[in-house]
Amino acid sequence: PIVGYDIEFWEIPITLDDKNVNIDYDMTGIESRRIGIAKTDKNGVALIGYTPVNRGNFRIKAIYKLSTRIQKYDATEISDTILVQKRTRKITTTIESTYNENTKFQIPLVLQDELDKTPLSETITYSYQKTGTTQKTEKTITTNNEGKATIEIPSLSTGTYVLNLQIPSTTEYYKTDTRRTLKITKK
């Protein structure tokens, strides 16, 4: 195995003809995107996390570029084609650094399509739980046609809480699971 080498990963949009054969040019209007770099492990394998942001056909390419320091191996690349049928959603929240104990507060949020920033009107399940405890409060809210909603948090005792926001998978979108930390301090 070849250990410790940088492998660069790319997502390249492609167009397929009616027989699902790759066409040499791209007509999607989406630019290629660098996913990142991963080092080969003790088995010579490089793994990288990948979250698609667009629907469509893509060539995922792994590239080893010729090293100027170590020229033992020639540059090489491998690729495969995937079809992405879903997109991702993004929940943006405005969380203060701390909140006062025994005081109700609100957390505004916005739900959008992560790619084109289109506001989404959907039901979000949220829960909050104090760290180190098993008691969890769970509720739902629905964003309006501008993708906006406000989470109402009741008076809480001092401590650190985990706020979890979830939206289930649909035919168009992947499941969304967002976690935030809430710190409650004495007044």
C-alpha atoms as a PDB file:
ATOM      1  CA  PRO A   1       0.000   0.000   0.000  1.00  0.00           C
ATOM      2  CA  ILE A   2       1.020   3.607  -0.638  1.00  0.00           C
ATOM      3  CA  VAL A   3       0.563   5.449   2.679  1.00  0.00           C
ATOM      4  CA  GLY A   4       0.286   9.175   3.386  1.00  0.00           C
ATOM      5  CA  TYR A   5      -0.328  10.462  -0.144  1.00  0.00           C
ATOM      6  CA  ASP A   6      -2.758  13.313  -0.859  1.00  0.00           C
ATOM      7  CA  ILE A   7      -5.722  12.372  -3.058  1.00  0.00           C
ATOM      8  CA  GLU A   8      -7.802  15.263  -4.386  1.00  0.00           C
ATOM      9  CA  PHE A   9     -11.544  14.685  -4.910  1.00  0.00           C
ATOM     10  CA  TRP A  10     -13.739  16.573  -7.410  1.00  0.00           C
ATOM     11  CA  GLU A  11     -17.439  16.647  -8.307  1.00  0.00           C
ATOM     12  CA  ILE A  12     -17.873  17.325 -12.041  1.00  0.00           C
ATOM     13  CA  PRO A  13     -21.345  17.813 -13.557  1.00  0.00           C
ATOM     14  CA  ILE A  14     -21.949  15.811 -16.725  1.00  0.00           C
ATOM     15  CA  THR A  15     -24.683  15.410 -19.296  1.00  0.00           C
ATOM     16  CA  LEU A  16     -25.910  11.975 -20.338  1.00  0.00           C
ATOM     17  CA  ASP A  17     -27.569  11.251 -23.668  1.00  0.00           C
ATOM     18  CA  ASP A  18     -30.867   9.338 -23.922  1.00  0.00           C
ATOM     19  CA  LYS A  19     -28.955   6.026 -23.655  1.00  0.00           C
ATOM     20  CA  ASN A  20     -27.236   7.150 -20.417  1.00  0.00           C
ATOM     21  CA  VAL A  21     -23.927   7.481 -22.223  1.00  0.00           C
ATOM     22  CA  ASN A  22     -21.631  10.239 -20.989  1.00  0.00           C
ATOM     23  CA  ILE A  23     -21.410  13.218 -23.351  1.00  0.00           C
ATOM     24  CA  ASP A  24     -18.040  14.997 -23.483  1.00  0.00           C
ATOM     25  CA  TYR A  25     -19.476  18.416 -22.678  1.00  0.00           C
ATOM     26  CA  ASP A  26     -21.477  19.784 -19.763  1.00  0.00           C
ATOM     27  CA  MET A  27     -24.833  21.470 -20.334  1.00  0.00           C
ATOM     28  CA  THR A  28     -26.008  21.575 -16.718  1.00  0.00           C
ATOM     29  CA  GLY A  29     -24.849  25.135 -16.007  1.00  0.00           C
ATOM     30  CA  ILE A  30     -23.340  23.904 -12.725  1.00  0.00           C
ATOM     31  CA  GLU A  31     -19.618  24.389 -12.155  1.00  0.00           C
ATOM     32  CA  SER A  32     -17.218  21.684 -11.050  1.00  0.00           C
ATOM     33  CA  ARG A  33     -16.649  21.641  -7.299  1.00  0.00           C
ATOM     34  CA  ARG A  34     -13.570  20.586  -5.346  1.00  0.00           C
ATOM     35  CA  ILE A  35     -14.726  18.271  -2.570  1.00  0.00           C
ATOM     36  CA  GLY A  36     -11.407  18.221  -0.713  1.00  0.00           C
ATOM     37  CA  ILE A  37      -8.195  16.293  -0.080  1.00  0.00           C
ATOM     38  CA  ALA A  38      -7.712  13.083   1.902  1.00  0.00           C
ATOM     39  CA  LYS A  39      -4.517  11.181   2.741  1.00  0.00           C
ATOM     40  CA  THR A  40      -4.159   7.499   2.005  1.00  0.00           C
ATOM     41  CA  ASP A  41      -4.316   5.345   5.139  1.00  0.00           C
ATOM     42  CA  LYS A  42      -2.215   2.297   6.111  1.00  0.00           C
ATOM     43  CA  ASN A  43      -4.122   0.290   3.485  1.00  0.00           C
ATOM     44  CA  GLY A  44      -3.471   2.878   0.750  1.00  0.00           C
ATOM     45  CA  VAL A  45      -7.123   3.997   0.782  1.00  0.00           C
ATOM     46  CA  ALA A  46      -8.247   7.648   0.881  1.00  0.00           C
ATOM     47  CA  LEU A  47     -11.781   8.358   2.135  1.00  0.00           C
ATOM     48  CA  ILE A  48     -13.594  11.681   2.169  1.00  0.00           C
ATOM     49  CA  GLY A  49     -17.054  12.774   3.323  1.00  0.00           C
ATOM     50  CA  TYR A  50     -19.270  13.944   0.464  1.00  0.00           C
ATOM     51  CA  THR A  51     -22.611  15.743   0.579  1.00  0.00           C
ATOM     52  CA  PRO A  52     -24.119  16.567  -2.815  1.00  0.00           C
ATOM     53  CA  VAL A  53     -25.665  20.025  -3.131  1.00  0.00           C
ATOM     54  CA  ASN A  54     -27.201  19.633  -6.590  1.00  0.00           C
ATOM     55  CA  ARG A  55     -29.422  17.111  -8.317  1.00  0.00           C
ATOM     56  CA  GLY A  56     -28.153  15.555 -11.520  1.00  0.00           C
ATOM     57  CA  ASN A  57     -25.413  13.364 -12.951  1.00  0.00           C
ATOM     58  CA  PHE A  58     -21.878  13.850 -11.667  1.00  0.00           C
ATOM     59  CA  ARG A  59     -18.487  12.341 -12.195  1.00  0.00           C
ATOM     60  CA  ILE A  60     -16.682  11.937  -8.886  1.00  0.00           C
ATOM     61  CA  LYS A  61     -12.973  12.042  -9.606  1.00  0.00           C
ATOM     62  CA  ALA A  62     -10.086  11.071  -7.309  1.00  0.00           C
ATOM     63  CA  ILE A  63      -6.733  12.463  -8.471  1.00  0.00           C
ATOM     64  CA  TYR A  64      -3.165  11.787  -7.364  1.00  0.00           C
ATOM     65  CA  LYS A  65      -0.947  14.532  -8.747  1.00  0.00           C
ATOM     66  CA  LEU A  66       2.746  13.923  -9.332  1.00  0.00           C
ATOM     67  CA  SER A  67       4.616  15.094  -6.254  1.00  0.00           C
ATOM     68  CA  THR A  68       7.553  17.442  -6.748  1.00  0.00           C
ATOM     69  CA  ARG A  69       9.116  16.135  -3.521  1.00  0.00           C
ATOM     70  CA  ILE A  70       8.551  12.420  -3.997  1.00  0.00           C
ATOM     71  CA  GLN A  71       8.467  11.293  -7.604  1.00  0.00           C
ATOM     72  CA  LYS A  72       8.099   7.570  -7.051  1.00  0.00           C
ATOM     73  CA  TYR A  73       4.708   7.319  -8.766  1.00  0.00           C
ATOM     74  CA  ASP A  74       3.194   8.884 -11.859  1.00  0.00           C
ATOM     75  CA  ALA A  75       0.132  11.082 -11.590  1.00  0.00           C
ATOM     76  CA  THR A  76      -3.092   9.107 -11.915  1.00  0.00           C
ATOM     77  CA  GLU A  77      -6.834   9.496 -11.538  1.00  0.00           C
ATOM     78  CA  ILE A  78      -9.971   7.411 -11.360  1.00  0.00           C
ATOM     79  CA  SER A  79     -13.599   8.449 -11.636  1.00  0.00           C
ATOM     80  CA  ASP A  80     -17.120   7.091 -11.525  1.00  0.00           C
ATOM     81  CA  THR A  81     -20.519   8.536 -12.393  1.00  0.00           C
ATOM     82  CA  ILE A  82     -23.319   8.988  -9.858  1.00  0.00           C
ATOM     83  CA  LEU A  83     -26.898  10.262 -10.086  1.00  0.00           C
ATOM     84  CA  VAL A  84     -27.976  12.630  -7.310  1.00  0.00           C
ATOM     85  CA  GLN A  85     -31.756  12.711  -7.061  1.00  0.00           C
ATOM     86  CA  LYS A  86     -32.095  14.807  -3.893  1.00  0.00           C
ATOM     87  CA  ARG A  87     -30.834  18.120  -2.569  1.00  0.00           C
ATOM     88  CA  THR A  88     -30.023  19.434   0.882  1.00  0.00           C
ATOM     89  CA  ARG A  89     -31.814  21.972   3.045  1.00  0.00           C
ATOM     90  CA  LYS A  90     -30.141  24.448   5.357  1.00  0.00           C
ATOM     91  CA  ILE A  91     -31.488  25.733   8.667  1.00  0.00           C
ATOM     92  CA  THR A  92     -29.971  29.035   9.772  1.00  0.00           C
ATOM     93  CA  THR A  93     -30.496  29.999  13.413  1.00  0.00           C
ATOM     94  CA  THR A  94     -29.598  33.068  15.423  1.00  0.00           C
ATOM     95  CA  ILE A  95     -28.325  31.809  18.777  1.00  0.00           C
ATOM     96  CA  GLU A  96     -27.063  34.166  21.480  1.00  0.00           C
ATOM     97  CA  SER A  97     -23.834  33.241  23.310  1.00  0.00           C
ATOM     98  CA  THR A  98     -25.816  32.910  26.578  1.00  0.00           C
ATOM     99  CA  TYR A  99     -29.383  33.227  27.825  1.00  0.00           C
ATOM    100  CA  ASN A 100     -30.568  34.144  31.341  1.00  0.00           C
ATOM    101  CA  GLU A 101     -31.983  31.443  33.603  1.00  0.00           C
ATOM    102  CA  ASN A 102     -35.733  31.476  34.316  1.00  0.00           C
ATOM    103  CA  THR A 103     -36.364  33.743  31.305  1.00  0.00           C
ATOM    104  CA  LYS A 104     -38.344  32.784  28.217  1.00  0.00           C
ATOM    105  CA  PHE A 105     -36.617  33.487  24.904  1.00  0.00           C
ATOM    106  CA  GLN A 106     -37.063  33.057  21.170  1.00  0.00           C
ATOM    107  CA  ILE A 107     -34.764  31.673  18.480  1.00  0.00           C
ATOM    108  CA  PRO A 108     -35.496  32.830  14.930  1.00  0.00           C
ATOM    109  CA  LEU A 109     -34.685  30.458  12.083  1.00  0.00           C
ATOM    110  CA  VAL A 110     -34.743  30.388   8.292  1.00  0.00           C
ATOM    111  CA  LEU A 111     -35.119  27.246   6.164  1.00  0.00           C
ATOM    112  CA  GLN A 112     -33.745  27.317   2.616  1.00  0.00           C
ATOM    113  CA  ASP A 113     -32.735  25.096  -0.245  1.00  0.00           C
ATOM    114  CA  GLU A 114     -28.963  24.982   0.270  1.00  0.00           C
ATOM    115  CA  LEU A 115     -28.171  25.451  -3.404  1.00  0.00           C
ATOM    116  CA  ASP A 116     -30.416  28.199  -4.704  1.00  0.00           C
ATOM    117  CA  LYS A 117     -31.458  29.719  -1.344  1.00  0.00           C
ATOM    118  CA  THR A 118     -35.177  29.274  -2.129  1.00  0.00           C
ATOM    119  CA  PRO A 119     -37.212  29.688   1.101  1.00  0.00           C
ATOM    120  CA  LEU A 120     -38.991  26.467   2.097  1.00  0.00           C
ATOM    121  CA  SER A 121     -42.257  26.111   3.976  1.00  0.00           C
ATOM    122  CA  GLU A 122     -42.023  22.881   5.972  1.00  0.00           C
ATOM    123  CA  THR A 123     -42.654  21.419   9.400  1.00  0.00           C
ATOM    124  CA  ILE A 124     -39.581  21.170  11.618  1.00  0.00           C
ATOM    125  CA  THR A 125     -39.397  18.986  14.717  1.00  0.00           C
ATOM    126  CA  TYR A 126     -37.233  20.517  17.414  1.00  0.00           C
ATOM    127  CA  SER A 127     -36.168  19.282  20.811  1.00  0.00           C
ATOM    128  CA  TYR A 128     -34.003  20.580  23.630  1.00  0.00           C
ATOM    129  CA  GLN A 129     -32.341  18.610  26.380  1.00  0.00           C
ATOM    130  CA  LYS A 130     -30.053  19.593  29.234  1.00  0.00           C
ATOM    131  CA  THR A 131     -26.724  17.778  28.959  1.00  0.00           C
ATOM    132  CA  GLY A 132     -26.323  14.991  31.483  1.00  0.00           C
ATOM    133  CA  THR A 133     -30.096  14.396  31.749  1.00  0.00           C
ATOM    134  CA  THR A 134     -32.574  12.127  29.992  1.00  0.00           C
ATOM    135  CA  GLN A 135     -35.525  14.513  29.995  1.00  0.00           C
ATOM    136  CA  LYS A 136     -36.147  15.936  26.525  1.00  0.00           C
ATOM    137  CA  THR A 137     -38.841  18.345  25.322  1.00  0.00           C
ATOM    138  CA  GLU A 138     -39.978  17.909  21.700  1.00  0.00           C
ATOM    139  CA  LYS A 139     -42.254  20.165  19.626  1.00  0.00           C
ATOM    140  CA  THR A 140     -42.958  21.107  16.002  1.00  0.00           C
ATOM    141  CA  ILE A 141     -43.133  24.400  14.127  1.00  0.00           C
ATOM    142  CA  THR A 142     -43.873  25.244  10.495  1.00  0.00           C
ATOM    143  CA  THR A 143     -41.930  27.807   8.511  1.00  0.00           C
ATOM    144  CA  ASN A 144     -43.904  30.397   6.542  1.00  0.00           C
ATOM    145  CA  ASN A 145     -43.658  31.031   2.766  1.00  0.00           C
ATOM    146  CA  GLU A 146     -40.460  33.041   3.416  1.00  0.00           C
ATOM    147  CA  GLY A 147     -38.926  30.011   5.173  1.00  0.00           C
ATOM    148  CA  LYS A 148     -39.065  31.768   8.561  1.00  0.00           C
ATOM    149  CA  ALA A 149     -40.231  30.572  11.975  1.00  0.00           C
ATOM    150  CA  THR A 150     -39.503  31.294  15.630  1.00  0.00           C
ATOM    151  CA  ILE A 151     -38.776  28.694  18.282  1.00  0.00           C
ATOM    152  CA  GLU A 152     -40.263  29.551  21.673  1.00  0.00           C
ATOM    153  CA  ILE A 153     -38.072  28.338  24.558  1.00  0.00           C
ATOM    154  CA  PRO A 154     -39.593  28.433  28.064  1.00  0.00           C
ATOM    155  CA  SER A 155     -37.727  29.406  31.227  1.00  0.00           C
ATOM    156  CA  LEU A 156     -34.824  27.002  31.764  1.00  0.00           C
ATOM    157  CA  SER A 157     -32.454  26.406  34.693  1.00  0.00           C
ATOM    158  CA  THR A 158     -28.719  27.111  34.390  1.00  0.00           C
ATOM    159  CA  GLY A 159     -26.674  24.676  32.320  1.00  0.00           C
ATOM    160  CA  THR A 160     -25.901  23.642  28.770  1.00  0.00           C
ATOM    161  CA  TYR A 161     -28.691  22.387  26.516  1.00  0.00           C
ATOM    162  CA  VAL A 162     -28.619  20.715  23.109  1.00  0.00           C
ATOM    163  CA  LEU A 163     -31.156  22.046  20.611  1.00  0.00           C
ATOM    164  CA  ASN A 164     -31.865  19.568  17.807  1.00  0.00           C
ATOM    165  CA  LEU A 165     -33.764  20.560  14.632  1.00  0.00           C
ATOM    166  CA  GLN A 166     -34.966  17.779  12.295  1.00  0.00           C
ATOM    167  CA  ILE A 167     -36.788  17.543   8.986  1.00  0.00           C
ATOM    168  CA  PRO A 168     -37.490  14.102   7.492  1.00  0.00           C
ATOM    169  CA  SER A 169     -36.302  13.009   4.068  1.00  0.00           C
ATOM    170  CA  THR A 170     -38.646  13.684   1.122  1.00  0.00           C
ATOM    171  CA  THR A 171     -38.585  12.765  -2.559  1.00  0.00           C
ATOM    172  CA  GLU A 172     -36.730  16.032  -3.256  1.00  0.00           C
ATOM    173  CA  TYR A 173     -34.589  16.506  -0.135  1.00  0.00           C
ATOM    174  CA  TYR A 174     -32.327  14.562   2.190  1.00  0.00           C
ATOM    175  CA  LYS A 175     -33.107  14.432   5.899  1.00  0.00           C
ATOM    176  CA  THR A 176     -31.878  17.504   7.770  1.00  0.00           C
ATOM    177  CA  ASP A 177     -30.538  17.147  11.310  1.00  0.00           C
ATOM    178  CA  THR A 178     -29.028  20.283  12.860  1.00  0.00           C
ATOM    179  CA  ARG A 179     -27.706  20.593  16.430  1.00  0.00           C
ATOM    180  CA  ARG A 180     -26.977  23.780  18.342  1.00  0.00           C
ATOM    181  CA  THR A 181     -25.809  24.474  21.900  1.00  0.00           C
ATOM    182  CA  LEU A 182     -27.733  26.722  24.280  1.00  0.00           C
ATOM    183  CA  LYS A 183     -25.974  28.077  27.387  1.00  0.00           C
ATOM    184  CA  ILE A 184     -28.189  29.230  30.231  1.00  0.00           C
ATOM    185  CA  THR A 185     -26.506  31.339  32.942  1.00  0.00           C
ATOM    186  CA  LYS A 186     -27.568  33.105  36.150  1.00  0.00           C
ATOM    187  CA  LYS A 187     -28.972  36.610  35.758  1.00  0.00           C
END
